[in-house]
């Protein structure tokens, strides 16, 4: 996966990073087989391995904040995806 492996590692780093691009997170989620759909406003619905989550796409920029990175990490763990 290359770039996706780097993104996955970045999500699991401690302390939590705040410089991960949202587009890289979406690319990772797609690469591991997630179903992604747009919700209302900035919401993004994700389903992976029976787990469901709703995340808020960052705006106006593409940098994902620490709370969302933590939520994505927790979601990936619940879905059985870890580095």
C-alpha atoms as a PDB file:
ATOM      1  CA  UNK A   1       0.000   0.000   0.000  1.00  0.00           C
ATOM      2  CA  UNK A   2       2.969   2.396   0.376  1.00  0.00           C
ATOM      3  CA  UNK A   3       1.407   5.790   1.066  1.00  0.00           C
ATOM      4  CA  UNK A   4      -1.495   4.156   2.922  1.00  0.00           C
ATOM      5  CA  UNK A   5       0.975   2.339   5.204  1.00  0.00           C
ATOM      6  CA  UNK A   6       2.539   5.701   6.062  1.00  0.00           C
ATOM      7  CA  UNK A   7      -0.881   7.191   6.778  1.00  0.00           C
ATOM      8  CA  UNK A   8      -1.861   4.227   8.964  1.00  0.00           C
ATOM      9  CA  UNK A   9       1.370   4.558  10.953  1.00  0.00           C
ATOM     10  CA  UNK A  10       0.822   8.306  11.326  1.00  0.00           C
ATOM     11  CA  UNK A  11      -2.710   7.758  12.687  1.00  0.00           C
ATOM     12  CA  UNK A  12      -1.357   5.398  15.352  1.00  0.00           C
ATOM     13  CA  UNK A  13       1.557   7.630  16.434  1.00  0.00           C
ATOM     14  CA  UNK A  14       1.773   8.953  19.986  1.00  0.00           C
ATOM     15  CA  UNK A  15       1.309  11.809  20.658  1.00  0.00           C
ATOM     16  CA  UNK A  16      -1.632  12.184  18.284  1.00  0.00           C
ATOM     17  CA  UNK A  17      -0.690  14.085  15.156  1.00  0.00           C
ATOM     18  CA  UNK A  18      -2.607  17.031  13.724  1.00  0.00           C
ATOM     19  CA  UNK A  19      -0.874  17.229  10.333  1.00  0.00           C
ATOM     20  CA  UNK A  20      -2.461  14.271   8.545  1.00  0.00           C
ATOM     21  CA  UNK A  21      -4.271  15.224   5.361  1.00  0.00           C
ATOM     22  CA  UNK A  22      -7.945  14.222   5.257  1.00  0.00           C
ATOM     23  CA  UNK A  23      -7.512  13.076   1.650  1.00  0.00           C
ATOM     24  CA  UNK A  24      -4.809  10.637   2.829  1.00  0.00           C
ATOM     25  CA  UNK A  25      -7.157   9.235   5.481  1.00  0.00           C
ATOM     26  CA  UNK A  26      -9.900   8.745   2.864  1.00  0.00           C
ATOM     27  CA  UNK A  27      -7.375   7.024   0.570  1.00  0.00           C
ATOM     28  CA  UNK A  28      -6.372   4.674   3.409  1.00  0.00           C
ATOM     29  CA  UNK A  29      -9.996   3.877   4.258  1.00  0.00           C
ATOM     30  CA  UNK A  30     -10.744   3.043   0.618  1.00  0.00           C
ATOM     31  CA  UNK A  31      -7.602   0.891   0.373  1.00  0.00           C
ATOM     32  CA  UNK A  32      -8.691  -1.266   3.327  1.00  0.00           C
ATOM     33  CA  UNK A  33     -12.142  -1.745   1.803  1.00  0.00           C
ATOM     34  CA  UNK A  34     -14.284   0.878   3.542  1.00  0.00           C
ATOM     35  CA  UNK A  35     -17.554   2.054   2.009  1.00  0.00           C
ATOM     36  CA  UNK A  36     -17.520   5.858   2.125  1.00  0.00           C
ATOM     37  CA  UNK A  37     -20.477   8.128   1.442  1.00  0.00           C
ATOM     38  CA  UNK A  38     -21.164  11.818   1.863  1.00  0.00           C
ATOM     39  CA  UNK A  39     -23.545  12.893   4.592  1.00  0.00           C
ATOM     40  CA  UNK A  40     -25.057  16.302   5.262  1.00  0.00           C
ATOM     41  CA  UNK A  41     -22.671  19.227   5.364  1.00  0.00           C
ATOM     42  CA  UNK A  42     -19.133  18.098   6.150  1.00  0.00           C
ATOM     43  CA  UNK A  43     -20.165  14.656   7.408  1.00  0.00           C
ATOM     44  CA  UNK A  44     -18.612  11.560   5.872  1.00  0.00           C
ATOM     45  CA  UNK A  45     -20.136   8.135   6.598  1.00  0.00           C
ATOM     46  CA  UNK A  46     -17.804   5.155   6.710  1.00  0.00           C
ATOM     47  CA  UNK A  47     -18.602   1.433   6.976  1.00  0.00           C
ATOM     48  CA  UNK A  48     -15.785  -1.093   7.392  1.00  0.00           C
ATOM     49  CA  UNK A  49     -15.935  -4.718   8.555  1.00  0.00           C
ATOM     50  CA  UNK A  50     -19.394  -4.176  10.061  1.00  0.00           C
ATOM     51  CA  UNK A  51     -18.339  -1.029  11.948  1.00  0.00           C
ATOM     52  CA  UNK A  52     -20.012   2.308  11.181  1.00  0.00           C
ATOM     53  CA  UNK A  53     -18.767   5.811  11.871  1.00  0.00           C
ATOM     54  CA  UNK A  54     -19.451   9.401  10.884  1.00  0.00           C
ATOM     55  CA  UNK A  55     -16.538  11.812  10.654  1.00  0.00           C
ATOM     56  CA  UNK A  56     -16.459  15.523   9.915  1.00  0.00           C
ATOM     57  CA  UNK A  57     -14.326  16.512   6.954  1.00  0.00           C
ATOM     58  CA  UNK A  58     -11.995  19.365   7.945  1.00  0.00           C
ATOM     59  CA  UNK A  59     -12.620  22.728   6.356  1.00  0.00           C
ATOM     60  CA  UNK A  60     -11.506  25.059   4.992  1.00  0.00           C
ATOM     61  CA  UNK A  61      -8.164  23.174   4.880  1.00  0.00           C
ATOM     62  CA  UNK A  62      -7.256  19.505   4.482  1.00  0.00           C
ATOM     63  CA  UNK A  63      -5.403  18.993   7.812  1.00  0.00           C
ATOM     64  CA  UNK A  64      -7.255  16.645  10.169  1.00  0.00           C
ATOM     65  CA  UNK A  65      -7.437  17.762  13.801  1.00  0.00           C
ATOM     66  CA  UNK A  66      -6.345  15.602  16.724  1.00  0.00           C
ATOM     67  CA  UNK A  67      -9.890  14.695  17.901  1.00  0.00           C
ATOM     68  CA  UNK A  68     -10.797  13.350  14.454  1.00  0.00           C
ATOM     69  CA  UNK A  69      -7.489  11.482  14.139  1.00  0.00           C
ATOM     70  CA  UNK A  70      -8.220   9.815  17.517  1.00  0.00           C
ATOM     71  CA  UNK A  71     -11.741   8.926  16.319  1.00  0.00           C
ATOM     72  CA  UNK A  72     -10.384   7.431  13.083  1.00  0.00           C
ATOM     73  CA  UNK A  73      -7.822   5.424  15.085  1.00  0.00           C
ATOM     74  CA  UNK A  74     -10.535   4.055  17.405  1.00  0.00           C
ATOM     75  CA  UNK A  75     -12.717   3.206  14.398  1.00  0.00           C
ATOM     76  CA  UNK A  76      -9.862   1.350  12.688  1.00  0.00           C
ATOM     77  CA  UNK A  77      -9.130  -0.655  15.852  1.00  0.00           C
ATOM     78  CA  UNK A  78     -12.816  -1.622  16.153  1.00  0.00           C
ATOM     79  CA  UNK A  79     -12.764  -2.680  12.490  1.00  0.00           C
ATOM     80  CA  UNK A  80      -9.665  -4.821  13.061  1.00  0.00           C
ATOM     81  CA  UNK A  81      -7.188  -2.591  11.201  1.00  0.00           C
ATOM     82  CA  UNK A  82      -3.883  -1.816  12.945  1.00  0.00           C
ATOM     83  CA  UNK A  83      -0.320  -1.256  11.721  1.00  0.00           C
END
